[in-house]
């Protein structure tokens, strides 16, 4: 058995900072107290505070802005790590993982969705259609991703929603690069996003699964065209 290590003062401060962020006491976008204020509040030395803040910055939860202070930019270190990993993944890798996640989200959404979930999904699809009519690739990508994140939220599975939140950037990049708009494809082709919504509305698990897979088949086909 290894001897029990005493926790360093810096580690204790890191834990305190992480707790403030994770609890929502310091929401994303908040500027945290200054080094001097933290030193006084925590009753530790400035070097300990400085090193602890630097550690949390490296975790990706804080961001130091020169001349402006240090801000909360994320609340979950695991999510940040996943985002970094996904940042290096190509579109085919993202689609492979989505085959498992999208099917699970669609099936669970068909069972657990609420009326509020349905209203949100319908709104995103309407905005997505408007983006197509304007040939606005960026807006199309934003609302397409919001729709898929909304399907995950309709599952009411917090872990699944967290994973989708981590996928946000990679999903948006994949959609923007491989959409009907960016590839000059015919947007009038049957859009299975509508079929997916209808299946979720009807609580039809099998139809939701088929539609989710169909959406990915369409996306994957665009990679080969």
Protein backbone atom coordinates (compact mmCIF):
# COMPACT_ATOMS: atom_id res chain seq x y z
CA UNK A 1 0.00 0.00 0.00
CA UNK A 2 1.22 3.47 -0.91
CA UNK A 3 1.34 6.12 1.80
CA UNK A 4 -1.48 8.66 1.76
CA UNK A 5 -0.33 11.94 0.31
CA UNK A 6 -1.25 15.19 1.90
CA UNK A 7 -3.14 17.42 -0.50
CA UNK A 8 -1.19 20.48 -1.56
CA UNK A 9 -2.54 23.94 -0.89
CA UNK A 10 -2.68 24.62 -4.63
CA UNK A 11 -4.78 21.48 -5.22
CA UNK A 12 -7.15 22.62 -2.48
CA UNK A 13 -7.56 26.01 -4.16
CA UNK A 14 -8.09 24.31 -7.54
CA UNK A 15 -10.86 22.21 -6.00
CA UNK A 16 -12.48 25.34 -4.56
CA UNK A 17 -12.37 27.14 -7.93
CA UNK A 18 -13.80 24.09 -9.71
CA UNK A 19 -16.59 23.89 -7.14
CA UNK A 20 -17.54 27.53 -7.70
CA UNK A 21 -17.72 26.91 -11.45
CA UNK A 22 -19.50 23.53 -11.35
CA UNK A 23 -22.09 24.75 -8.82
CA UNK A 24 -23.05 27.67 -11.02
CA UNK A 25 -21.89 30.23 -8.48
CA UNK A 26 -19.64 31.49 -11.29
CA UNK A 27 -21.69 31.00 -14.48
CA UNK A 28 -20.09 30.81 -17.91
CA UNK A 29 -19.19 34.32 -19.04
CA UNK A 30 -18.55 35.55 -15.48
CA UNK A 31 -15.32 37.32 -14.61
CA UNK A 32 -13.95 35.67 -11.49
CA UNK A 33 -12.62 37.67 -8.52
CA UNK A 34 -9.16 39.17 -8.90
CA UNK A 35 -6.06 37.45 -7.61
CA UNK A 36 -5.98 39.85 -4.65
CA UNK A 37 -9.65 39.17 -3.84
CA UNK A 38 -9.18 35.41 -4.04
CA UNK A 39 -6.13 35.63 -1.82
CA UNK A 40 -8.12 37.46 0.82
CA UNK A 41 -11.22 35.27 0.56
CA UNK A 42 -9.36 31.96 0.64
CA UNK A 43 -6.71 32.98 3.13
CA UNK A 44 -3.82 31.68 1.02
CA UNK A 45 -0.80 33.24 -0.62
CA UNK A 46 -0.88 34.97 -4.01
CA UNK A 47 1.50 32.42 -5.58
CA UNK A 48 -0.87 29.60 -4.56
CA UNK A 49 -3.85 31.41 -6.07
CA UNK A 50 -1.90 32.24 -9.23
CA UNK A 51 -0.82 28.64 -9.75
CA UNK A 52 -4.32 27.31 -9.05
CA UNK A 53 -5.92 29.71 -11.52
CA UNK A 54 -3.29 28.73 -14.11
CA UNK A 55 -4.19 25.06 -13.57
CA UNK A 56 -7.90 25.71 -14.10
CA UNK A 57 -7.08 27.72 -17.23
CA UNK A 58 -5.18 24.70 -18.55
CA UNK A 59 -8.24 22.54 -17.87
CA UNK A 60 -10.15 24.83 -20.21
CA UNK A 61 -12.63 26.13 -17.65
CA UNK A 62 -11.11 29.59 -17.32
CA UNK A 63 -9.65 32.02 -19.85
CA UNK A 64 -7.33 34.88 -18.97
CA UNK A 65 -7.86 38.00 -21.07
CA UNK A 66 -4.95 40.40 -21.02
CA UNK A 67 -5.85 43.60 -19.21
CA UNK A 68 -9.43 42.47 -18.56
CA UNK A 69 -9.31 39.61 -16.05
CA UNK A 70 -10.08 35.89 -15.98
CA UNK A 71 -13.42 34.56 -17.21
CA UNK A 72 -15.35 31.30 -16.88
CA UNK A 73 -15.61 29.74 -20.37
CA UNK A 74 -16.78 26.20 -19.52
CA UNK A 75 -18.19 24.32 -16.56
CA UNK A 76 -17.16 20.72 -17.20
CA UNK A 77 -13.53 19.68 -17.68
CA UNK A 78 -14.56 16.34 -19.18
CA UNK A 79 -16.67 18.12 -21.78
CA UNK A 80 -13.74 20.40 -22.61
CA UNK A 81 -11.44 17.41 -23.07
CA UNK A 82 -13.98 15.76 -25.36
CA UNK A 83 -14.34 18.95 -27.39
CA UNK A 84 -10.57 19.07 -27.86
CA UNK A 85 -10.51 15.46 -29.03
CA UNK A 86 -13.42 16.05 -31.41
CA UNK A 87 -11.67 19.11 -32.77
CA UNK A 88 -9.14 16.81 -34.41
CA UNK A 89 -11.68 14.33 -35.78
CA UNK A 90 -12.63 14.34 -39.46
CA UNK A 91 -16.20 14.27 -40.78
CA UNK A 92 -16.25 10.51 -41.30
CA UNK A 93 -15.17 9.87 -37.72
CA UNK A 94 -17.88 12.19 -36.44
CA UNK A 95 -20.51 10.44 -38.58
CA UNK A 96 -19.44 7.01 -37.32
CA UNK A 97 -19.95 8.04 -33.71
CA UNK A 98 -23.18 9.85 -34.57
CA UNK A 99 -24.67 6.61 -35.95
CA UNK A 100 -24.77 5.28 -32.42
CA UNK A 101 -25.70 8.52 -30.68
CA UNK A 102 -28.35 9.75 -33.13
CA UNK A 103 -30.20 6.44 -33.07
CA UNK A 104 -30.17 6.39 -29.28
CA UNK A 105 -31.32 10.03 -29.08
CA UNK A 106 -34.12 9.45 -31.61
CA UNK A 107 -35.40 6.34 -29.87
CA UNK A 108 -35.36 7.95 -26.44
CA UNK A 109 -36.90 11.19 -27.70
CA UNK A 110 -39.79 9.24 -29.24
CA UNK A 111 -40.52 7.81 -25.81
CA UNK A 112 -39.80 10.70 -23.47
CA UNK A 113 -40.42 13.92 -25.45
CA UNK A 114 -42.63 16.63 -23.99
CA UNK A 115 -44.81 19.18 -25.75
CA UNK A 116 -42.18 21.83 -25.02
CA UNK A 117 -39.55 19.63 -26.69
CA UNK A 118 -41.74 19.29 -29.79
CA UNK A 119 -42.28 23.05 -29.99
CA UNK A 120 -38.52 23.65 -29.83
CA UNK A 121 -37.82 21.05 -32.53
CA UNK A 122 -40.50 22.49 -34.83
CA UNK A 123 -39.06 25.99 -34.36
CA UNK A 124 -35.53 24.88 -35.28
CA UNK A 125 -36.75 23.06 -38.39
CA UNK A 126 -38.68 26.17 -39.47
CA UNK A 127 -35.55 28.30 -39.06
CA UNK A 128 -33.54 25.65 -40.91
CA UNK A 129 -35.97 25.84 -43.85
CA UNK A 130 -35.68 29.63 -43.87
CA UNK A 131 -31.89 29.32 -44.02
CA UNK A 132 -32.22 27.04 -47.05
CA UNK A 133 -34.47 29.56 -48.79
CA UNK A 134 -31.85 32.29 -48.17
CA UNK A 135 -28.97 29.98 -49.11
CA UNK A 136 -27.43 30.89 -45.74
CA UNK A 137 -24.92 28.12 -44.97
CA UNK A 138 -23.99 29.38 -41.50
CA UNK A 139 -27.59 29.77 -40.32
CA UNK A 140 -28.43 26.38 -41.84
CA UNK A 141 -25.59 24.72 -39.88
CA UNK A 142 -26.59 26.47 -36.64
CA UNK A 143 -30.24 25.41 -36.82
CA UNK A 144 -29.46 21.92 -38.10
CA UNK A 145 -27.17 21.33 -35.12
CA UNK A 146 -29.69 22.93 -32.75
CA UNK A 147 -32.32 20.50 -34.04
CA UNK A 148 -30.14 17.46 -33.35
CA UNK A 149 -29.15 18.76 -29.93
CA UNK A 150 -32.87 19.32 -29.34
CA UNK A 151 -33.58 15.67 -30.17
CA UNK A 152 -31.01 14.68 -27.55
CA UNK A 153 -32.61 17.07 -25.04
CA UNK A 154 -35.99 15.51 -25.78
CA UNK A 155 -34.56 12.18 -24.64
CA UNK A 156 -34.28 13.70 -21.13
CA UNK A 157 -31.02 11.78 -20.67
CA UNK A 158 -28.58 14.25 -19.12
CA UNK A 159 -25.49 12.25 -20.07
CA UNK A 160 -26.57 12.07 -23.70
CA UNK A 161 -27.29 15.81 -23.74
CA UNK A 162 -23.83 16.47 -22.30
CA UNK A 163 -22.16 14.40 -25.01
CA UNK A 164 -24.09 16.24 -27.71
CA UNK A 165 -23.07 19.57 -26.20
CA UNK A 166 -19.46 18.44 -26.56
CA UNK A 167 -20.11 17.55 -30.20
CA UNK A 168 -21.54 20.99 -30.94
CA UNK A 169 -18.49 22.46 -32.68
CA UNK A 170 -17.65 19.34 -34.67
CA UNK A 171 -21.28 18.89 -35.71
CA UNK A 172 -21.52 22.48 -36.92
CA UNK A 173 -18.31 22.16 -38.93
CA UNK A 174 -19.41 18.85 -40.44
CA UNK A 175 -22.85 20.22 -41.39
CA UNK A 176 -21.44 23.45 -42.83
CA UNK A 177 -18.99 21.56 -45.04
CA UNK A 178 -21.33 18.78 -46.18
CA UNK A 179 -24.77 20.33 -46.41
CA UNK A 180 -26.95 20.54 -49.49
CA UNK A 181 -26.16 24.27 -49.61
CA UNK A 182 -22.37 23.99 -49.46
CA UNK A 183 -22.39 21.17 -52.01
CA UNK A 184 -24.89 22.85 -54.37
CA UNK A 185 -27.22 19.87 -54.07
CA UNK A 186 -30.95 20.04 -54.62
CA UNK A 187 -32.52 21.11 -51.28
CA UNK A 188 -35.94 19.97 -52.53
CA UNK A 189 -34.91 16.32 -52.14
CA UNK A 190 -36.97 14.63 -49.40
CA UNK A 191 -35.56 15.84 -46.08
CA UNK A 192 -35.63 13.12 -43.47
CA UNK A 193 -35.35 15.67 -40.66
CA UNK A 194 -39.08 16.25 -41.13
CA UNK A 195 -39.68 12.49 -41.02
CA UNK A 196 -37.67 12.29 -37.81
CA UNK A 197 -39.75 15.02 -36.22
CA UNK A 198 -43.01 13.35 -37.27
CA UNK A 199 -41.86 10.02 -35.80
CA UNK A 200 -40.98 11.69 -32.50
CA UNK A 201 -44.35 13.44 -32.45
CA UNK A 202 -46.07 10.09 -33.05
CA UNK A 203 -43.91 8.35 -30.43
CA UNK A 204 -42.98 5.84 -33.16
CA UNK A 205 -39.64 4.41 -32.01
CA UNK A 206 -39.01 2.32 -35.14
CA UNK A 207 -39.78 5.19 -37.50
CA UNK A 208 -37.60 7.55 -35.45
CA UNK A 209 -34.71 5.08 -35.67
CA UNK A 210 -35.13 4.70 -39.44
CA UNK A 211 -35.32 8.46 -39.97
CA UNK A 212 -32.24 9.12 -37.83
CA UNK A 213 -30.24 6.59 -39.84
CA UNK A 214 -31.63 8.03 -43.07
CA UNK A 215 -30.44 11.53 -42.14
CA UNK A 216 -26.94 10.18 -41.60
CA UNK A 217 -27.05 8.20 -44.85
CA UNK A 218 -27.86 11.43 -46.69
CA UNK A 219 -25.02 13.24 -44.94
CA UNK A 220 -22.56 10.43 -45.62
CA UNK A 221 -23.57 10.37 -49.29
CA UNK A 222 -22.68 14.04 -49.53
CA UNK A 223 -19.13 13.16 -48.43
CA UNK A 224 -18.76 10.88 -51.44
CA UNK A 225 -20.37 13.17 -54.02
